[in-house]
């Protein structure tokens, strides 16, 4: 079963990517890993006294949690689980370690994706994700039943066809 990484800023708009991914991968079960990246603080005092629970608290609203449950229930045949994972760091190496630890096999990264930064340490992970070498799901062509995928290592495009 695939673990599919989907960047999120905890808005309902980015949660729509889970819907699109489920429709694109119809018939293939996957775990949706909603991903948010944090940059490490610059200050030694922030490093010593900031607790992870302080950063996480308030980012995931009740409305967002409820929508996650609804999406999972709506696409129960395709989505095995929906979870939120956080990463601290701003390098490709840190992300590759994160991806290996979480068995990520596909990254959903539409070209039109614009993430908000809900916390002062939130960072936009797009450049790191593109440089990771993992397979990217970059466009959704629902009308034709195809989804465009870019293999970041080979820099070639190819398509999956829904069945």
N, C-alpha and C. Protein backbone atom coordinates (compact mmCIF):
# COMPACT_ATOMS: atom_id res chain seq x y z
N UNK A 1 0.85 -1.18 0.00
CA UNK A 1 0.00 0.00 0.00
C UNK A 1 0.89 1.24 0.00
N UNK A 2 0.52 2.21 -0.83
CA UNK A 2 1.31 3.44 -0.96
C UNK A 2 1.05 4.38 0.22
N UNK A 3 2.10 5.08 0.61
CA UNK A 3 1.97 6.22 1.51
C UNK A 3 2.16 7.45 0.64
N UNK A 4 1.13 8.26 0.53
CA UNK A 4 1.13 9.43 -0.36
C UNK A 4 1.23 10.68 0.49
N UNK A 5 2.29 11.47 0.26
CA UNK A 5 2.51 12.70 1.00
C UNK A 5 1.77 13.84 0.31
N UNK A 6 0.97 14.57 1.09
CA UNK A 6 0.20 15.69 0.58
C UNK A 6 0.50 16.90 1.47
N UNK A 7 1.18 17.93 0.92
CA UNK A 7 1.49 19.11 1.73
C UNK A 7 0.20 19.80 2.18
N UNK A 8 0.21 20.32 3.39
CA UNK A 8 -0.97 21.02 3.89
C UNK A 8 -0.59 22.24 4.70
N UNK A 9 -1.47 23.22 4.68
CA UNK A 9 -1.35 24.38 5.55
C UNK A 9 -2.55 24.42 6.51
N UNK A 10 -3.25 23.31 6.58
CA UNK A 10 -4.38 23.09 7.48
C UNK A 10 -5.60 23.91 7.08
N UNK A 11 -5.68 24.29 5.81
CA UNK A 11 -6.89 24.93 5.29
C UNK A 11 -7.70 23.87 4.57
N UNK A 12 -8.99 24.11 4.44
CA UNK A 12 -9.85 23.15 3.76
C UNK A 12 -9.51 23.08 2.27
N UNK A 13 -8.91 24.15 1.72
CA UNK A 13 -8.52 24.15 0.32
C UNK A 13 -7.45 23.09 0.05
N UNK A 14 -6.45 22.99 0.93
CA UNK A 14 -5.41 21.98 0.69
C UNK A 14 -5.93 20.57 0.96
N UNK A 15 -6.97 20.46 1.74
CA UNK A 15 -7.56 19.15 1.99
C UNK A 15 -8.23 18.60 0.72
N UNK A 16 -8.59 19.50 -0.20
CA UNK A 16 -9.16 19.06 -1.47
C UNK A 16 -8.18 18.20 -2.27
N UNK A 17 -6.89 18.37 -1.99
CA UNK A 17 -5.89 17.53 -2.67
C UNK A 17 -6.07 16.06 -2.33
N UNK A 18 -6.56 15.77 -1.14
CA UNK A 18 -6.83 14.38 -0.76
C UNK A 18 -7.94 13.83 -1.65
N UNK A 19 -8.99 14.62 -1.86
CA UNK A 19 -10.09 14.19 -2.74
C UNK A 19 -9.58 13.91 -4.14
N UNK A 20 -8.80 14.85 -4.68
CA UNK A 20 -8.30 14.70 -6.05
C UNK A 20 -7.38 13.49 -6.17
N UNK A 21 -6.57 13.26 -5.15
CA UNK A 21 -5.67 12.12 -5.17
C UNK A 21 -6.46 10.81 -5.13
N UNK A 22 -7.49 10.76 -4.30
CA UNK A 22 -8.33 9.56 -4.21
C UNK A 22 -9.01 9.28 -5.54
N UNK A 23 -9.45 10.32 -6.22
CA UNK A 23 -10.09 10.13 -7.52
C UNK A 23 -9.05 9.69 -8.56
N UNK A 24 -7.86 10.25 -8.49
CA UNK A 24 -6.81 9.91 -9.46
C UNK A 24 -6.29 8.49 -9.26
N UNK A 25 -6.21 8.04 -8.02
CA UNK A 25 -5.69 6.71 -7.71
C UNK A 25 -6.81 5.71 -7.44
N UNK A 26 -7.97 5.96 -7.97
CA UNK A 26 -9.13 5.11 -7.74
C UNK A 26 -8.78 3.65 -8.01
N UNK A 27 -9.17 2.80 -7.10
CA UNK A 27 -8.88 1.38 -7.24
C UNK A 27 -7.56 0.98 -6.59
N UNK A 28 -6.79 1.95 -6.16
CA UNK A 28 -5.51 1.67 -5.50
C UNK A 28 -5.57 2.25 -4.10
N UNK A 29 -5.50 1.40 -3.08
CA UNK A 29 -5.58 1.87 -1.70
C UNK A 29 -4.29 2.58 -1.29
N UNK A 30 -4.44 3.67 -0.52
CA UNK A 30 -3.26 4.41 -0.07
C UNK A 30 -3.53 5.06 1.28
N UNK A 31 -2.43 5.41 1.96
CA UNK A 31 -2.49 6.19 3.19
C UNK A 31 -2.15 7.63 2.84
N UNK A 32 -3.02 8.55 3.21
CA UNK A 32 -2.78 9.97 2.96
C UNK A 32 -2.01 10.55 4.14
N UNK A 33 -0.80 11.03 3.87
CA UNK A 33 0.05 11.64 4.90
C UNK A 33 0.04 13.14 4.66
N UNK A 34 -0.74 13.85 5.46
CA UNK A 34 -0.79 15.31 5.36
C UNK A 34 0.47 15.85 6.02
N UNK A 35 1.24 16.61 5.27
CA UNK A 35 2.60 16.99 5.66
C UNK A 35 2.72 18.49 5.86
N UNK A 36 3.33 18.86 6.99
CA UNK A 36 3.63 20.27 7.24
C UNK A 36 5.06 20.37 7.74
N UNK A 37 5.81 21.33 7.20
CA UNK A 37 7.22 21.48 7.54
C UNK A 37 7.45 22.73 8.38
N UNK A 38 8.33 22.59 9.36
CA UNK A 38 8.73 23.71 10.21
C UNK A 38 10.22 23.93 10.06
N UNK A 39 10.60 25.19 9.96
CA UNK A 39 12.00 25.56 9.98
C UNK A 39 12.46 25.56 11.43
N UNK A 40 13.71 25.25 11.66
CA UNK A 40 14.23 25.29 13.02
C UNK A 40 14.40 26.74 13.46
N UNK A 41 14.11 27.05 14.71
CA UNK A 41 14.29 28.41 15.21
C UNK A 41 15.75 28.85 15.13
N UNK A 42 15.98 30.15 14.94
CA UNK A 42 17.33 30.70 14.87
C UNK A 42 17.91 30.96 16.26
N UNK A 43 17.06 31.23 17.19
CA UNK A 43 17.49 31.63 18.53
C UNK A 43 17.71 30.41 19.43
N UNK A 44 18.78 30.42 20.18
CA UNK A 44 19.06 29.33 21.13
C UNK A 44 17.98 29.26 22.20
N UNK A 45 17.45 30.40 22.59
CA UNK A 45 16.38 30.42 23.60
C UNK A 45 15.13 29.75 23.06
N UNK A 46 14.79 30.06 21.80
CA UNK A 46 13.63 29.40 21.19
C UNK A 46 13.85 27.89 21.10
N UNK A 47 15.06 27.49 20.75
CA UNK A 47 15.36 26.06 20.67
C UNK A 47 15.22 25.37 22.02
N UNK A 48 15.63 26.07 23.07
CA UNK A 48 15.59 25.47 24.40
C UNK A 48 14.18 25.43 25.00
N UNK A 49 13.40 26.47 24.75
CA UNK A 49 12.14 26.59 25.48
C UNK A 49 10.88 26.37 24.67
N UNK A 50 11.00 26.28 23.37
CA UNK A 50 9.78 26.05 22.61
C UNK A 50 9.46 24.56 22.64
N UNK A 51 8.26 24.24 22.98
CA UNK A 51 7.83 22.85 22.99
C UNK A 51 7.07 22.55 21.72
N UNK A 52 7.18 21.34 21.23
CA UNK A 52 6.47 20.98 20.01
C UNK A 52 4.97 21.16 20.17
N UNK A 53 4.47 20.88 21.36
CA UNK A 53 3.03 21.02 21.56
C UNK A 53 2.58 22.46 21.39
N UNK A 54 3.46 23.43 21.67
CA UNK A 54 3.10 24.83 21.47
C UNK A 54 2.97 25.15 19.99
N UNK A 55 3.86 24.60 19.19
CA UNK A 55 3.80 24.84 17.76
C UNK A 55 2.56 24.17 17.16
N UNK A 56 2.30 22.95 17.54
CA UNK A 56 1.19 22.20 16.96
C UNK A 56 -0.17 22.69 17.42
N UNK A 57 -0.24 23.19 18.65
CA UNK A 57 -1.55 23.56 19.19
C UNK A 57 -2.16 24.68 18.36
N UNK A 58 -3.38 24.47 17.99
CA UNK A 58 -4.12 25.47 17.24
C UNK A 58 -3.96 25.38 15.73
N UNK A 59 -3.01 24.62 15.23
CA UNK A 59 -2.85 24.51 13.78
C UNK A 59 -3.96 23.67 13.15
N UNK A 60 -4.28 22.57 13.79
CA UNK A 60 -5.32 21.68 13.25
C UNK A 60 -6.64 22.00 13.95
N UNK A 61 -7.53 22.65 13.20
CA UNK A 61 -8.82 23.04 13.77
C UNK A 61 -9.77 21.85 13.82
N UNK A 62 -10.82 21.98 14.61
CA UNK A 62 -11.84 20.93 14.68
C UNK A 62 -12.51 20.74 13.32
N UNK A 63 -12.71 21.85 12.62
CA UNK A 63 -13.33 21.78 11.30
C UNK A 63 -12.44 20.98 10.34
N UNK A 64 -11.13 21.21 10.41
CA UNK A 64 -10.19 20.47 9.55
C UNK A 64 -10.22 18.98 9.90
N UNK A 65 -10.22 18.65 11.19
CA UNK A 65 -10.28 17.24 11.61
C UNK A 65 -11.56 16.57 11.11
N UNK A 66 -12.68 17.28 11.26
CA UNK A 66 -13.96 16.73 10.81
C UNK A 66 -13.97 16.50 9.30
N UNK A 67 -13.39 17.44 8.55
CA UNK A 67 -13.32 17.27 7.10
C UNK A 67 -12.43 16.09 6.73
N UNK A 68 -11.35 15.88 7.47
CA UNK A 68 -10.47 14.72 7.22
C UNK A 68 -11.27 13.42 7.38
N UNK A 69 -12.08 13.36 8.42
CA UNK A 69 -12.91 12.16 8.65
C UNK A 69 -13.92 11.97 7.53
N UNK A 70 -14.51 13.08 7.07
CA UNK A 70 -15.50 13.00 5.99
C UNK A 70 -14.86 12.50 4.70
N UNK A 71 -13.67 13.03 4.39
CA UNK A 71 -12.97 12.61 3.17
C UNK A 71 -12.64 11.12 3.25
N UNK A 72 -12.14 10.68 4.40
CA UNK A 72 -11.80 9.27 4.56
C UNK A 72 -13.04 8.39 4.40
N UNK A 73 -14.16 8.82 4.97
CA UNK A 73 -15.40 8.05 4.85
C UNK A 73 -15.95 8.07 3.42
N UNK A 74 -15.78 9.20 2.73
CA UNK A 74 -16.27 9.32 1.36
C UNK A 74 -15.49 8.41 0.42
N UNK A 75 -14.19 8.32 0.62
CA UNK A 75 -13.32 7.51 -0.24
C UNK A 75 -12.79 6.29 0.50
N UNK A 76 -13.66 5.63 1.27
CA UNK A 76 -13.25 4.50 2.11
C UNK A 76 -12.66 3.35 1.29
N UNK A 77 -13.03 3.23 0.03
CA UNK A 77 -12.49 2.15 -0.80
C UNK A 77 -11.05 2.42 -1.23
N UNK A 78 -10.66 3.70 -1.24
CA UNK A 78 -9.33 4.08 -1.72
C UNK A 78 -8.40 4.51 -0.61
N UNK A 79 -8.93 5.28 0.35
CA UNK A 79 -8.10 5.83 1.42
C UNK A 79 -8.13 4.91 2.64
N UNK A 80 -6.99 4.36 2.99
CA UNK A 80 -6.89 3.51 4.17
C UNK A 80 -6.84 4.34 5.45
N UNK A 81 -6.05 5.43 5.42
CA UNK A 81 -5.94 6.30 6.59
C UNK A 81 -5.55 7.70 6.17
N UNK A 82 -5.87 8.66 7.02
CA UNK A 82 -5.46 10.05 6.86
C UNK A 82 -4.77 10.45 8.15
N UNK A 83 -3.51 10.88 8.05
CA UNK A 83 -2.80 11.32 9.26
C UNK A 83 -2.01 12.58 8.95
N UNK A 84 -1.68 13.31 10.00
CA UNK A 84 -0.88 14.53 9.87
C UNK A 84 0.50 14.24 10.43
N UNK A 85 1.53 14.58 9.65
CA UNK A 85 2.92 14.40 10.08
C UNK A 85 3.65 15.72 9.92
N UNK A 86 4.54 15.99 10.86
CA UNK A 86 5.32 17.22 10.87
C UNK A 86 6.79 16.89 10.68
N UNK A 87 7.51 17.85 10.08
CA UNK A 87 8.95 17.70 9.92
C UNK A 87 9.62 19.00 10.36
N UNK A 88 10.70 18.87 11.12
CA UNK A 88 11.53 20.01 11.49
C UNK A 88 12.79 19.96 10.64
N UNK A 89 13.05 21.00 9.87
CA UNK A 89 14.25 21.06 9.06
C UNK A 89 13.96 21.67 7.71
N UNK A 90 15.02 22.10 7.04
CA UNK A 90 14.82 22.78 5.76
C UNK A 90 15.78 22.31 4.68
N UNK A 91 16.21 21.06 4.78
CA UNK A 91 17.13 20.53 3.76
C UNK A 91 16.53 19.29 3.11
N UNK A 92 17.02 19.01 1.92
CA UNK A 92 16.58 17.82 1.19
C UNK A 92 16.95 16.56 1.96
N UNK A 93 18.13 16.53 2.58
CA UNK A 93 18.57 15.35 3.35
C UNK A 93 17.61 15.06 4.51
N UNK A 94 17.19 16.09 5.22
CA UNK A 94 16.24 15.90 6.32
C UNK A 94 14.93 15.35 5.77
N UNK A 95 14.48 15.90 4.63
CA UNK A 95 13.24 15.40 4.05
C UNK A 95 13.38 13.95 3.59
N UNK A 96 14.51 13.62 2.97
CA UNK A 96 14.70 12.22 2.53
C UNK A 96 14.66 11.26 3.71
N UNK A 97 15.24 11.66 4.83
CA UNK A 97 15.15 10.83 6.04
C UNK A 97 13.70 10.70 6.50
N UNK A 98 12.97 11.80 6.46
CA UNK A 98 11.54 11.79 6.81
C UNK A 98 10.78 10.85 5.88
N UNK A 99 11.03 10.99 4.58
CA UNK A 99 10.33 10.16 3.58
C UNK A 99 10.66 8.68 3.76
N UNK A 100 11.92 8.37 4.03
CA UNK A 100 12.31 6.98 4.26
C UNK A 100 11.64 6.42 5.51
N UNK A 101 11.64 7.19 6.57
CA UNK A 101 11.04 6.74 7.83
C UNK A 101 9.54 6.51 7.71
N UNK A 102 8.89 7.25 6.81
CA UNK A 102 7.45 7.15 6.65
C UNK A 102 7.04 6.40 5.38
N UNK A 103 8.01 5.76 4.71
CA UNK A 103 7.76 4.97 3.50
C UNK A 103 6.94 5.73 2.45
N UNK A 104 7.30 6.97 2.20
CA UNK A 104 6.59 7.79 1.22
C UNK A 104 6.98 7.33 -0.18
N UNK A 105 5.98 7.03 -1.01
CA UNK A 105 6.27 6.59 -2.37
C UNK A 105 5.79 7.58 -3.43
N UNK A 106 4.95 8.53 -3.06
CA UNK A 106 4.42 9.49 -4.02
C UNK A 106 4.15 10.80 -3.29
N UNK A 107 4.47 11.92 -3.95
CA UNK A 107 4.22 13.25 -3.39
C UNK A 107 3.22 13.96 -4.29
N UNK A 108 2.14 14.46 -3.71
CA UNK A 108 1.17 15.24 -4.46
C UNK A 108 1.63 16.69 -4.42
N UNK A 109 1.93 17.24 -5.60
CA UNK A 109 2.48 18.59 -5.67
C UNK A 109 2.01 19.29 -6.94
N UNK A 110 0.74 19.73 -6.94
CA UNK A 110 0.25 20.46 -8.12
C UNK A 110 1.03 21.76 -8.32
N UNK A 111 1.21 22.11 -9.59
CA UNK A 111 1.99 23.30 -9.89
C UNK A 111 1.32 24.57 -9.37
N UNK A 112 0.02 24.56 -9.25
CA UNK A 112 -0.71 25.75 -8.78
C UNK A 112 -0.81 25.82 -7.24
N UNK A 113 -0.17 24.91 -6.55
CA UNK A 113 -0.26 24.87 -5.09
C UNK A 113 0.38 26.12 -4.46
N UNK A 114 -0.37 26.81 -3.63
CA UNK A 114 0.10 27.97 -2.88
C UNK A 114 -0.25 27.74 -1.42
N UNK A 115 0.77 27.48 -0.62
CA UNK A 115 0.56 27.20 0.80
C UNK A 115 0.68 28.47 1.63
N UNK A 116 -0.21 28.60 2.61
CA UNK A 116 -0.09 29.67 3.59
C UNK A 116 0.86 29.19 4.68
N UNK A 117 1.43 30.10 5.43
CA UNK A 117 2.32 29.74 6.52
C UNK A 117 1.61 30.08 7.83
N UNK A 118 0.94 29.10 8.46
CA UNK A 118 0.11 29.39 9.62
C UNK A 118 0.87 29.65 10.92
N UNK A 119 2.17 29.38 10.95
CA UNK A 119 2.96 29.57 12.17
C UNK A 119 4.26 30.28 11.78
N UNK A 120 4.86 30.99 12.72
CA UNK A 120 6.08 31.73 12.37
C UNK A 120 7.23 30.82 11.96
N UNK A 121 7.22 29.56 12.37
CA UNK A 121 8.25 28.61 11.97
C UNK A 121 7.83 27.72 10.79
N UNK A 122 6.60 27.89 10.30
CA UNK A 122 6.16 27.13 9.13
C UNK A 122 7.02 27.53 7.94
N UNK A 123 7.25 26.57 7.07
CA UNK A 123 8.01 26.87 5.86
C UNK A 123 7.33 26.25 4.65
N UNK A 124 7.59 26.82 3.50
CA UNK A 124 7.04 26.28 2.27
C UNK A 124 7.99 25.18 1.77
N UNK A 125 7.54 23.93 1.74
CA UNK A 125 8.43 22.81 1.42
C UNK A 125 8.54 22.49 -0.07
N UNK A 126 7.94 23.29 -0.94
CA UNK A 126 7.84 22.93 -2.36
C UNK A 126 9.21 22.65 -2.99
N UNK A 127 10.19 23.51 -2.76
CA UNK A 127 11.50 23.30 -3.41
C UNK A 127 12.17 22.02 -2.89
N UNK A 128 12.02 21.74 -1.61
CA UNK A 128 12.59 20.51 -1.04
C UNK A 128 11.91 19.28 -1.63
N UNK A 129 10.59 19.34 -1.76
CA UNK A 129 9.84 18.20 -2.30
C UNK A 129 10.24 17.93 -3.75
N UNK A 130 10.41 19.00 -4.53
CA UNK A 130 10.80 18.83 -5.93
C UNK A 130 12.19 18.22 -6.07
N UNK A 131 13.08 18.55 -5.14
CA UNK A 131 14.47 18.06 -5.21
C UNK A 131 14.65 16.69 -4.57
N UNK A 132 13.59 16.13 -4.00
CA UNK A 132 13.72 14.89 -3.23
C UNK A 132 14.01 13.65 -4.07
N UNK A 133 13.69 13.69 -5.34
CA UNK A 133 13.89 12.52 -6.19
C UNK A 133 12.73 11.54 -6.15
N UNK A 134 11.71 11.82 -5.33
CA UNK A 134 10.54 10.95 -5.27
C UNK A 134 9.57 11.29 -6.41
N UNK A 135 8.72 10.34 -6.72
CA UNK A 135 7.73 10.53 -7.77
C UNK A 135 6.74 11.62 -7.35
N UNK A 136 6.44 12.55 -8.28
CA UNK A 136 5.53 13.66 -8.01
C UNK A 136 4.25 13.50 -8.80
N UNK A 137 3.13 13.70 -8.14
CA UNK A 137 1.83 13.77 -8.80
C UNK A 137 1.57 15.26 -8.97
N UNK A 138 1.67 15.77 -10.22
CA UNK A 138 1.67 17.21 -10.40
C UNK A 138 0.40 17.78 -11.02
N UNK A 139 -0.33 17.01 -11.80
CA UNK A 139 -1.57 17.51 -12.39
C UNK A 139 -2.64 16.45 -12.35
N UNK A 140 -3.86 16.93 -12.29
CA UNK A 140 -5.02 16.03 -12.25
C UNK A 140 -5.84 16.30 -13.50
N UNK A 141 -6.05 15.27 -14.31
CA UNK A 141 -6.87 15.39 -15.51
C UNK A 141 -8.08 14.47 -15.35
N UNK A 142 -9.02 14.87 -14.51
CA UNK A 142 -10.13 14.00 -14.17
C UNK A 142 -11.03 13.69 -15.36
N UNK A 143 -11.20 14.63 -16.28
CA UNK A 143 -12.14 14.42 -17.37
C UNK A 143 -11.74 13.23 -18.24
N UNK A 144 -10.45 13.02 -18.44
CA UNK A 144 -9.99 11.93 -19.28
C UNK A 144 -9.66 10.68 -18.47
N UNK A 145 -9.76 10.74 -17.15
CA UNK A 145 -9.46 9.58 -16.33
C UNK A 145 -7.98 9.33 -16.19
N UNK A 146 -7.17 10.39 -16.40
CA UNK A 146 -5.72 10.23 -16.29
C UNK A 146 -5.17 11.21 -15.28
N UNK A 147 -4.02 10.89 -14.79
CA UNK A 147 -3.32 11.79 -13.89
C UNK A 147 -1.87 11.84 -14.33
N UNK A 148 -1.33 13.04 -14.40
CA UNK A 148 0.04 13.22 -14.87
C UNK A 148 1.01 13.08 -13.71
N UNK A 149 2.06 12.33 -13.92
CA UNK A 149 3.07 12.11 -12.89
C UNK A 149 4.43 12.47 -13.45
N UNK A 150 5.24 13.14 -12.66
CA UNK A 150 6.59 13.48 -13.07
C UNK A 150 7.56 12.67 -12.23
N UNK A 151 8.47 11.97 -12.88
CA UNK A 151 9.53 11.27 -12.18
C UNK A 151 10.67 12.25 -12.02
N UNK A 152 10.87 12.73 -10.79
CA UNK A 152 11.83 13.80 -10.53
C UNK A 152 13.27 13.40 -10.84
N UNK A 153 13.58 12.14 -10.76
CA UNK A 153 14.95 11.70 -11.05
C UNK A 153 15.23 11.70 -12.55
N UNK A 154 14.26 11.28 -13.33
CA UNK A 154 14.47 11.19 -14.77
C UNK A 154 14.00 12.44 -15.49
N UNK A 155 13.21 13.29 -14.82
CA UNK A 155 12.65 14.50 -15.42
C UNK A 155 11.81 14.19 -16.65
N UNK A 156 11.08 13.09 -16.62
CA UNK A 156 10.21 12.70 -17.71
C UNK A 156 8.79 12.66 -17.19
N UNK A 157 7.85 12.90 -18.08
CA UNK A 157 6.43 12.83 -17.71
C UNK A 157 5.82 11.55 -18.26
N UNK A 158 4.89 11.00 -17.54
CA UNK A 158 4.13 9.88 -18.00
C UNK A 158 2.80 9.91 -17.27
N UNK A 159 1.86 9.07 -17.67
CA UNK A 159 0.51 9.14 -17.10
C UNK A 159 0.08 7.79 -16.56
N UNK A 160 -0.73 7.85 -15.50
CA UNK A 160 -1.45 6.68 -15.03
C UNK A 160 -2.85 6.78 -15.63
N UNK A 161 -3.42 5.68 -16.01
CA UNK A 161 -4.79 5.68 -16.50
C UNK A 161 -5.66 4.98 -15.46
N UNK A 162 -6.79 5.62 -15.15
CA UNK A 162 -7.71 5.00 -14.20
C UNK A 162 -8.35 3.79 -14.82
N UNK A 163 -8.65 2.80 -13.98
CA UNK A 163 -9.32 1.62 -14.47
C UNK A 163 -10.55 1.37 -13.66
